[in-house]
Amino acid sequence: MSNDLTLSVIKADVGSHVGHTSVHPRLIACAQSHLAESDLLDDFHVTAVGDDMELIMTHKHGVDNEEVHELAWDAFFAATEIAKDLKLYGAGQDLLADAFSGNVKGLGPGIAEMQIVERPSEPVIIFMADKTEPGAWNLPLFKIFADPFNTAGLVLDPSMHDGFIFEVYDLIEGKKIDFSVPEEMYDLLAFIGAPSRFVIRSIYRKEGDGSRGDIAASASTQRLNITAGEYVGKDDPVCIVRCQSGLPAVGEVLEPFANPHLVSGWMRGSHNGPIMPTSLESAVPTRFDGPPRVCSLGFQLRNGELLGPKDMFDDVAFDEARKKANKIANYMREMGPFEPHRLPLDEMEYTTLPQVMERLQDRFKPIDD
């Protein structure tokens, strides 16, 4: 067991109250009770964004710890049983196996973790999204850690001038690569500009010799449709970002979401739409099962204790972003089933469209001319 602190955020859709809109309070209470009975954790917080339950946990067992992952799995499974009893929609949707097998990765739930040594002051922001995929974090994470027009500290704070190392996953080929920023910024953008395939997994401070320093951000990368081989729901990713003291300030971390960018997901996981920053109270996606939502909770870590949360998007400063997201949603919806509102065909491979293609395949004839 390490003396370092591990922050784990694990999410799953285990059943929704009225379509794909919310998590029933009984499911939240079940997960809270389950985690409270364990002596593995230093602290925890259970919440929900849209139809996804989020388990935020601190402990001293390191990342990918089997016991912690099993605890989360059991909490989700217990909540699933309640969801089935309540006849909630999609009960157990994100649990792709009947039993735990050592790690929740590959079993459906999304997970972001980091192992750290607590600084004298340790503010962290937990981002949680609904109705979108892991690539939704690419643009904001780039702006937070690489764009001086977003993050003034990249110019004003000498301790940030060495830059950061971005670890990027290729979700199709199952490979990963590190990019050193700012000097490899253009190479980085060449990949993460395709967020359906290349996603930012983690970001590290860069040491003077160019090696990895302390971890600064960690994001979930699980693609539920790739894991299951068919569409069973969108991934609804989570992300952890550390702030201040040689890292971007809290306000710099939140700033990218003042301009809602387009992400894939929304209705049936098959459409592009604006990601709307909202309070937890407003994270109830109903219009066309959306638009996609992002919530952020702020915590101060104190010897493993989660002081908070502070609902960071519950701020009138993001009212204009919400208005803009609604205007973008209006524009995108006018296109109906046409691209670019509907995803391109290569992305529709894991939706229900292949069932339509299979039904009609015998009716396709060669073109004569």
Protein backbone atom coordinates (compact mmCIF):
# COMPACT_ATOMS: atom_id res chain seq x y z
CA MET A 1 0.00 0.00 0.00
CA SER A 2 1.31 3.44 -0.95
CA ASN A 3 1.31 6.44 1.37
CA ASP A 4 0.39 8.59 -1.62
CA LEU A 5 -3.22 9.57 -2.15
CA THR A 6 -5.25 8.14 -5.02
CA LEU A 7 -8.27 9.97 -6.40
CA SER A 8 -10.61 7.66 -8.33
CA VAL A 9 -13.69 8.72 -10.28
CA ILE A 10 -15.75 5.84 -11.63
CA LYS A 11 -19.09 6.26 -13.40
CA ALA A 12 -21.78 4.03 -14.85
CA ASP A 13 -25.31 4.19 -16.18
CA VAL A 14 -27.12 1.55 -14.16
CA GLY A 15 -30.69 2.69 -14.84
CA SER A 16 -32.43 5.94 -15.64
CA HIS A 17 -35.50 7.57 -14.17
CA VAL A 18 -37.75 8.53 -17.12
CA GLY A 19 -35.91 7.69 -20.33
CA HIS A 20 -32.27 8.80 -20.29
CA THR A 21 -32.66 11.86 -18.09
CA SER A 22 -31.76 11.25 -14.44
CA VAL A 23 -30.72 8.84 -11.70
CA HIS A 24 -33.37 7.87 -9.17
CA PRO A 25 -32.52 8.97 -5.60
CA ARG A 26 -32.79 5.39 -4.35
CA LEU A 27 -29.88 4.39 -6.58
CA ILE A 28 -27.74 7.21 -5.17
CA ALA A 29 -28.63 6.20 -1.61
CA CYS A 30 -27.80 2.56 -2.36
CA ALA A 31 -24.33 3.44 -3.67
CA GLN A 32 -23.66 5.78 -0.75
CA SER A 33 -24.58 3.06 1.73
CA HIS A 34 -22.42 0.52 -0.06
CA LEU A 35 -19.33 2.73 -0.06
CA ALA A 36 -19.89 3.79 3.55
CA GLU A 37 -19.71 0.17 4.70
CA SER A 38 -16.17 -0.24 3.32
CA ASP A 39 -12.95 0.58 5.17
CA LEU A 40 -10.99 0.86 1.89
CA LEU A 41 -11.73 4.55 1.34
CA ASP A 42 -10.53 7.71 3.02
CA ASP A 43 -13.56 9.62 1.73
CA PHE A 44 -16.15 9.51 -1.04
CA HIS A 45 -18.91 11.50 -2.72
CA VAL A 46 -21.72 10.06 -4.86
CA THR A 47 -23.55 12.21 -7.37
CA ALA A 48 -25.21 12.00 -10.78
CA VAL A 49 -25.09 13.84 -14.10
CA GLY A 50 -27.98 13.02 -16.39
CA ASP A 51 -28.51 9.26 -16.25
CA ASP A 52 -25.00 8.51 -14.99
CA MET A 53 -23.99 7.77 -11.41
CA GLU A 54 -20.58 9.11 -10.39
CA LEU A 55 -18.45 7.67 -7.58
CA ILE A 56 -15.73 10.07 -6.42
CA MET A 57 -13.36 8.31 -4.01
CA THR A 58 -10.06 8.91 -2.23
CA HIS A 59 -7.88 6.10 -0.88
CA LYS A 60 -4.28 4.99 -0.46
CA HIS A 61 -4.28 1.85 -2.60
CA GLY A 62 -2.97 3.24 -5.91
CA VAL A 63 -4.55 3.28 -9.35
CA ASP A 64 -6.09 0.14 -10.85
CA ASN A 65 -6.52 -1.36 -7.40
CA GLU A 66 -8.62 -4.51 -7.62
CA GLU A 67 -10.33 -4.05 -4.25
CA VAL A 68 -11.35 -0.45 -4.95
CA HIS A 69 -12.60 -1.33 -8.43
CA GLU A 70 -14.55 -4.27 -7.05
CA LEU A 71 -16.10 -2.00 -4.42
CA ALA A 72 -17.29 0.35 -7.17
CA TRP A 73 -18.55 -2.57 -9.26
CA ASP A 74 -20.51 -3.99 -6.33
CA ALA A 75 -22.04 -0.56 -5.64
CA PHE A 76 -23.16 -0.29 -9.27
CA PHE A 77 -24.45 -3.86 -9.26
CA ALA A 78 -26.47 -3.29 -6.08
CA ALA A 79 -27.94 -0.11 -7.58
CA THR A 80 -28.77 -2.06 -10.74
CA GLU A 81 -30.88 -4.50 -8.74
CA ILE A 82 -32.89 -1.58 -7.38
CA ALA A 83 -33.18 -0.14 -10.88
CA LYS A 84 -34.60 -3.43 -12.13
CA ASP A 85 -37.08 -3.53 -9.26
CA LEU A 86 -38.18 0.02 -10.07
CA LYS A 87 -38.38 -0.89 -13.78
CA LEU A 88 -36.06 1.98 -14.65
CA TYR A 89 -34.90 2.36 -18.23
CA GLY A 90 -31.64 0.67 -19.23
CA ALA A 91 -31.08 -1.02 -15.86
CA GLY A 92 -27.46 -2.18 -15.74
CA GLN A 93 -26.76 -0.67 -19.17
CA ASP A 94 -23.07 0.01 -18.55
CA LEU A 95 -22.34 -3.29 -16.82
CA LEU A 96 -21.21 -5.48 -19.70
CA ALA A 97 -20.34 -8.53 -17.61
CA ASP A 98 -22.19 -10.66 -15.08
CA ALA A 99 -19.34 -10.64 -12.58
CA PHE A 100 -16.30 -8.59 -11.62
CA SER A 101 -13.01 -9.82 -13.09
CA GLY A 102 -10.24 -7.83 -11.40
CA ASN A 103 -10.64 -4.39 -12.97
CA VAL A 104 -13.63 -2.34 -14.09
CA LYS A 105 -11.78 -1.36 -17.27
CA GLY A 106 -13.35 -3.25 -20.14
CA LEU A 107 -16.45 -4.09 -18.12
CA GLY A 108 -18.39 -0.95 -19.06
CA PRO A 109 -17.89 1.75 -16.39
CA GLY A 110 -15.74 4.77 -17.18
CA ILE A 111 -12.82 5.58 -14.91
CA ALA A 112 -10.29 8.35 -14.32
CA GLU A 113 -7.67 7.98 -11.58
CA MET A 114 -4.51 9.67 -10.41
CA GLN A 115 -2.02 8.99 -7.65
CA ILE A 116 -0.58 12.14 -6.07
CA VAL A 117 1.25 13.55 -3.11
CA GLU A 118 -1.00 16.21 -1.60
CA ARG A 119 0.41 19.72 -1.91
CA PRO A 120 -0.04 22.28 0.92
CA SER A 121 -3.20 23.29 -0.95
CA GLU A 122 -4.73 20.77 -3.36
CA PRO A 123 -7.75 22.06 -5.34
CA VAL A 124 -9.14 19.63 -7.91
CA ILE A 125 -11.94 19.89 -10.44
CA ILE A 126 -13.97 16.82 -11.39
CA PHE A 127 -15.61 17.11 -14.81
CA MET A 128 -18.52 14.79 -15.61
CA ALA A 129 -20.30 14.68 -18.97
CA ASP A 130 -23.48 13.08 -20.25
CA LYS A 131 -24.51 12.18 -23.81
CA THR A 132 -21.03 12.30 -25.30
CA GLU A 133 -17.74 10.41 -25.70
CA PRO A 134 -14.21 10.64 -24.18
CA GLY A 135 -12.96 12.78 -27.08
CA ALA A 136 -15.14 15.58 -25.73
CA TRP A 137 -12.27 16.45 -23.34
CA ASN A 138 -9.69 16.92 -26.14
CA LEU A 139 -10.42 20.54 -26.95
CA PRO A 140 -10.83 21.84 -23.37
CA LEU A 141 -7.77 19.95 -22.10
CA PHE A 142 -5.70 21.36 -24.95
CA LYS A 143 -6.88 24.88 -24.17
CA ILE A 144 -6.26 24.45 -20.43
CA PHE A 145 -2.70 23.15 -20.73
CA ALA A 146 -1.46 24.47 -24.08
CA ASP A 147 -3.36 27.60 -25.19
CA PRO A 148 -2.03 30.90 -23.77
CA PHE A 149 -5.16 32.68 -25.01
CA ASN A 150 -7.08 30.54 -22.50
CA THR A 151 -4.51 30.03 -19.76
CA ALA A 152 -2.71 33.22 -18.83
CA GLY A 153 -0.38 31.25 -16.55
CA LEU A 154 1.38 29.79 -19.60
CA VAL A 155 2.68 33.32 -20.18
CA LEU A 156 2.71 34.85 -16.70
CA ASP A 157 3.87 31.95 -14.52
CA PRO A 158 7.54 30.99 -15.09
CA SER A 159 6.95 27.64 -13.43
CA MET A 160 4.69 26.68 -16.35
CA HIS A 161 7.07 27.69 -19.15
CA ASP A 162 8.56 24.20 -19.54
CA GLY A 163 5.12 23.05 -20.67
CA PHE A 164 3.34 19.73 -20.31
CA ILE A 165 3.39 16.18 -21.62
CA PHE A 166 0.15 14.91 -23.19
CA GLU A 167 -0.44 11.16 -23.21
CA VAL A 168 -2.74 10.30 -26.13
CA TYR A 169 -4.53 7.01 -26.75
CA ASP A 170 -5.41 5.57 -30.16
CA LEU A 171 -8.67 3.82 -29.28
CA ILE A 172 -8.89 1.94 -32.57
CA GLU A 173 -5.35 0.52 -32.71
CA GLY A 174 -4.96 0.22 -28.94
CA LYS A 175 -1.73 2.24 -28.87
CA LYS A 176 -0.52 5.34 -26.99
CA ILE A 177 1.98 8.14 -27.54
CA ASP A 178 3.40 11.09 -25.58
CA PHE A 179 3.60 14.62 -27.00
CA SER A 180 5.82 17.28 -25.44
CA VAL A 181 4.11 20.67 -25.57
CA PRO A 182 4.66 23.40 -26.70
CA GLU A 183 7.36 22.13 -29.11
CA GLU A 184 5.20 19.26 -30.45
CA MET A 185 1.93 21.19 -30.36
CA TYR A 186 1.22 20.88 -34.08
CA ASP A 187 1.80 17.13 -34.03
CA LEU A 188 -0.50 16.82 -31.02
CA LEU A 189 -3.26 18.77 -32.78
CA ALA A 190 -2.96 16.58 -35.87
CA PHE A 191 -4.18 13.66 -33.76
CA ILE A 192 -6.49 15.03 -31.06
CA GLY A 193 -8.44 16.96 -33.70
CA ALA A 194 -9.94 13.54 -34.50
CA PRO A 195 -11.55 12.94 -31.08
CA SER A 196 -13.52 9.85 -32.08
CA ARG A 197 -10.24 7.92 -32.35
CA PHE A 198 -7.47 9.82 -30.55
CA VAL A 199 -8.15 10.94 -26.97
CA ILE A 200 -6.11 12.60 -24.26
CA ARG A 201 -5.67 10.11 -21.44
CA SER A 202 -3.46 12.10 -19.04
CA ILE A 203 -1.32 15.22 -18.77
CA TYR A 204 1.89 15.67 -16.77
CA ARG A 205 4.06 18.58 -15.79
CA LYS A 206 7.27 18.52 -17.78
CA GLU A 207 10.59 18.40 -15.95
CA GLY A 208 13.59 20.40 -17.12
CA ASP A 209 15.03 17.33 -18.85
CA GLY A 210 11.77 16.77 -20.75
CA SER A 211 10.62 13.80 -18.65
CA ARG A 212 7.23 13.35 -16.98
CA GLY A 213 6.71 15.19 -13.72
CA ASP A 214 3.65 15.25 -11.48
CA ILE A 215 0.35 14.26 -13.02
CA ALA A 216 -1.94 17.20 -13.73
CA ALA A 217 -5.00 15.64 -15.38
CA SER A 218 -6.55 12.24 -15.98
CA ALA A 219 -9.50 11.38 -18.21
CA SER A 220 -11.59 8.29 -18.83
CA THR A 221 -11.04 6.75 -22.27
CA GLN A 222 -13.48 3.84 -22.28
CA ARG A 223 -15.51 3.57 -25.51
CA LEU A 224 -18.56 1.54 -24.54
CA ASN A 225 -19.58 0.75 -28.12
CA ILE A 226 -16.11 -0.55 -29.02
CA THR A 227 -16.07 -2.70 -25.89
CA ALA A 228 -19.54 -4.13 -26.50
CA GLY A 229 -19.23 -4.27 -30.31
CA GLU A 230 -22.57 -2.52 -30.69
CA TYR A 231 -24.39 0.56 -29.46
CA VAL A 232 -25.49 0.12 -25.85
CA GLY A 233 -25.25 3.75 -24.73
CA LYS A 234 -22.81 6.64 -24.92
CA ASP A 235 -19.64 6.71 -22.85
CA ASP A 236 -20.36 9.85 -20.76
CA PRO A 237 -16.74 10.46 -19.71
CA VAL A 238 -15.18 11.85 -16.53
CA CYS A 239 -12.01 13.87 -16.01
CA ILE A 240 -9.87 15.03 -13.07
CA VAL A 241 -7.83 18.24 -13.23
CA ARG A 242 -5.50 19.54 -10.51
CA CYS A 243 -5.27 23.32 -10.18
CA GLN A 244 -3.04 26.19 -8.96
CA SER A 245 0.59 26.29 -7.74
CA GLY A 246 2.40 25.73 -11.02
CA LEU A 247 -0.70 24.33 -12.71
CA PRO A 248 -3.56 26.20 -14.40
CA ALA A 249 -5.74 28.22 -12.03
CA VAL A 250 -9.31 27.12 -11.31
CA GLY A 251 -10.70 29.88 -13.52
CA GLU A 252 -8.38 28.86 -16.37
CA VAL A 253 -9.51 25.25 -16.04
CA LEU A 254 -13.18 26.25 -16.35
CA GLU A 255 -12.71 28.86 -19.09
CA PRO A 256 -12.85 26.53 -22.17
CA PHE A 257 -16.46 25.67 -21.37
CA ALA A 258 -17.53 29.32 -21.73
CA ASN A 259 -17.62 28.57 -25.47
CA PRO A 260 -19.62 25.35 -26.05
CA HIS A 261 -17.85 23.18 -28.61
CA LEU A 262 -19.40 20.45 -30.73
CA VAL A 263 -19.17 16.89 -29.47
CA SER A 264 -20.58 13.60 -30.70
CA GLY A 265 -23.31 11.76 -28.84
CA TRP A 266 -26.68 13.35 -28.06
CA MET A 267 -29.73 11.36 -29.24
CA ARG A 268 -29.01 7.63 -29.67
CA GLY A 269 -25.29 8.44 -29.57
CA SER A 270 -25.60 9.37 -33.24
CA HIS A 271 -25.50 13.17 -33.44
CA ASN A 272 -23.15 16.12 -33.06
CA GLY A 273 -24.22 18.88 -30.71
CA PRO A 274 -22.95 21.57 -28.33
CA ILE A 275 -21.76 20.57 -24.89
CA MET A 276 -23.60 22.74 -22.38
CA PRO A 277 -22.02 23.61 -18.99
CA THR A 278 -24.70 23.37 -16.30
CA SER A 279 -25.17 23.04 -12.58
CA LEU A 280 -25.93 19.57 -11.25
CA GLU A 281 -29.53 20.65 -10.77
CA SER A 282 -29.81 21.45 -14.49
CA ALA A 283 -28.02 18.31 -15.66
CA VAL A 284 -31.27 16.70 -16.80
CA PRO A 285 -30.98 16.33 -20.59
CA THR A 286 -34.47 16.19 -22.05
CA ARG A 287 -34.40 17.97 -25.41
CA PHE A 288 -33.67 15.27 -27.99
CA ASP A 289 -32.07 13.54 -24.98
CA GLY A 290 -29.72 16.51 -24.67
CA PRO A 291 -28.01 18.69 -25.58
CA PRO A 292 -24.88 17.03 -24.15
CA ARG A 293 -24.10 18.29 -20.65
CA VAL A 294 -20.94 18.88 -18.64
CA CYS A 295 -20.86 19.50 -14.90
CA SER A 296 -17.90 20.31 -12.70
CA LEU A 297 -17.45 19.80 -8.98
CA GLY A 298 -14.62 21.47 -7.10
CA PHE A 299 -12.98 19.93 -4.03
CA GLN A 300 -10.16 20.85 -1.70
CA LEU A 301 -8.26 17.73 -0.66
CA ARG A 302 -7.25 17.65 2.99
CA ASN A 303 -5.36 14.52 4.04
CA GLY A 304 -7.60 12.46 1.79
CA GLU A 305 -10.78 14.26 2.82
CA LEU A 306 -12.96 15.70 0.06
CA LEU A 307 -13.83 19.21 1.24
CA GLY A 308 -16.81 20.21 -0.88
CA PRO A 309 -18.23 19.92 -3.35
CA LYS A 310 -18.57 23.33 -4.97
CA ASP A 311 -20.82 23.27 -8.04
CA MET A 312 -18.51 25.24 -10.34
CA PHE A 313 -20.90 25.82 -13.26
CA ASP A 314 -23.65 27.06 -10.95
CA ASP A 315 -22.55 30.58 -11.89
CA VAL A 316 -24.31 33.30 -13.88
CA ALA A 317 -21.01 33.83 -15.74
CA PHE A 318 -21.88 30.70 -17.75
CA ASP A 319 -25.39 31.89 -18.65
CA GLU A 320 -24.19 33.16 -22.04
CA ALA A 321 -22.54 29.79 -22.74
CA ARG A 322 -25.83 28.08 -22.05
CA LYS A 323 -27.68 30.50 -24.34
CA LYS A 324 -25.11 29.94 -27.07
CA ALA A 325 -25.40 26.17 -26.67
CA ASN A 326 -29.17 26.41 -27.13
CA LYS A 327 -28.74 28.49 -30.29
CA ILE A 328 -26.26 25.96 -31.66
CA ALA A 329 -28.67 23.15 -30.73
CA ASN A 330 -31.45 24.89 -32.67
CA TYR A 331 -29.23 25.18 -35.75
CA MET A 332 -28.01 21.58 -35.60
CA ARG A 333 -31.50 20.16 -35.07
CA GLU A 334 -32.74 21.85 -38.26
CA MET A 335 -30.55 19.38 -40.21
CA GLY A 336 -32.43 16.38 -38.83
CA PRO A 337 -30.97 13.09 -40.15
CA PHE A 338 -28.38 14.80 -42.37
CA GLU A 339 -24.68 15.14 -41.65
CA PRO A 340 -23.02 16.97 -39.96
CA HIS A 341 -25.79 16.83 -37.33
CA ARG A 342 -25.92 13.07 -37.72
CA LEU A 343 -22.52 11.45 -37.28
CA PRO A 344 -20.56 10.35 -40.38
CA LEU A 345 -21.02 6.77 -41.50
CA ASP A 346 -17.78 5.46 -40.01
CA GLU A 347 -19.00 6.62 -36.60
CA MET A 348 -22.46 5.12 -37.17
CA GLU A 349 -20.89 1.64 -37.28
CA TYR A 350 -21.61 1.12 -33.59
CA THR A 351 -25.13 2.55 -33.60
CA THR A 352 -28.36 0.86 -34.69
CA LEU A 353 -27.85 1.90 -38.34
CA PRO A 354 -26.12 -1.41 -39.27
CA GLN A 355 -29.39 -3.19 -38.47
CA VAL A 356 -31.11 -1.04 -41.10
CA MET A 357 -28.33 -1.73 -43.61
CA GLU A 358 -28.54 -5.48 -43.00
CA ARG A 359 -32.30 -5.49 -43.56
CA LEU A 360 -31.91 -3.73 -46.92
CA GLN A 361 -28.65 -5.23 -48.21
CA ASP A 362 -30.35 -7.59 -50.70
CA ARG A 363 -32.09 -4.64 -52.36
CA PHE A 364 -28.83 -2.98 -53.43
CA LYS A 365 -28.02 -3.61 -57.12
CA PRO A 366 -24.91 -2.86 -59.18
CA ILE A 367 -24.75 0.49 -60.95
CA ASP A 368 -24.85 -0.19 -64.68
CA ASP A 369 -23.50 3.09 -66.06
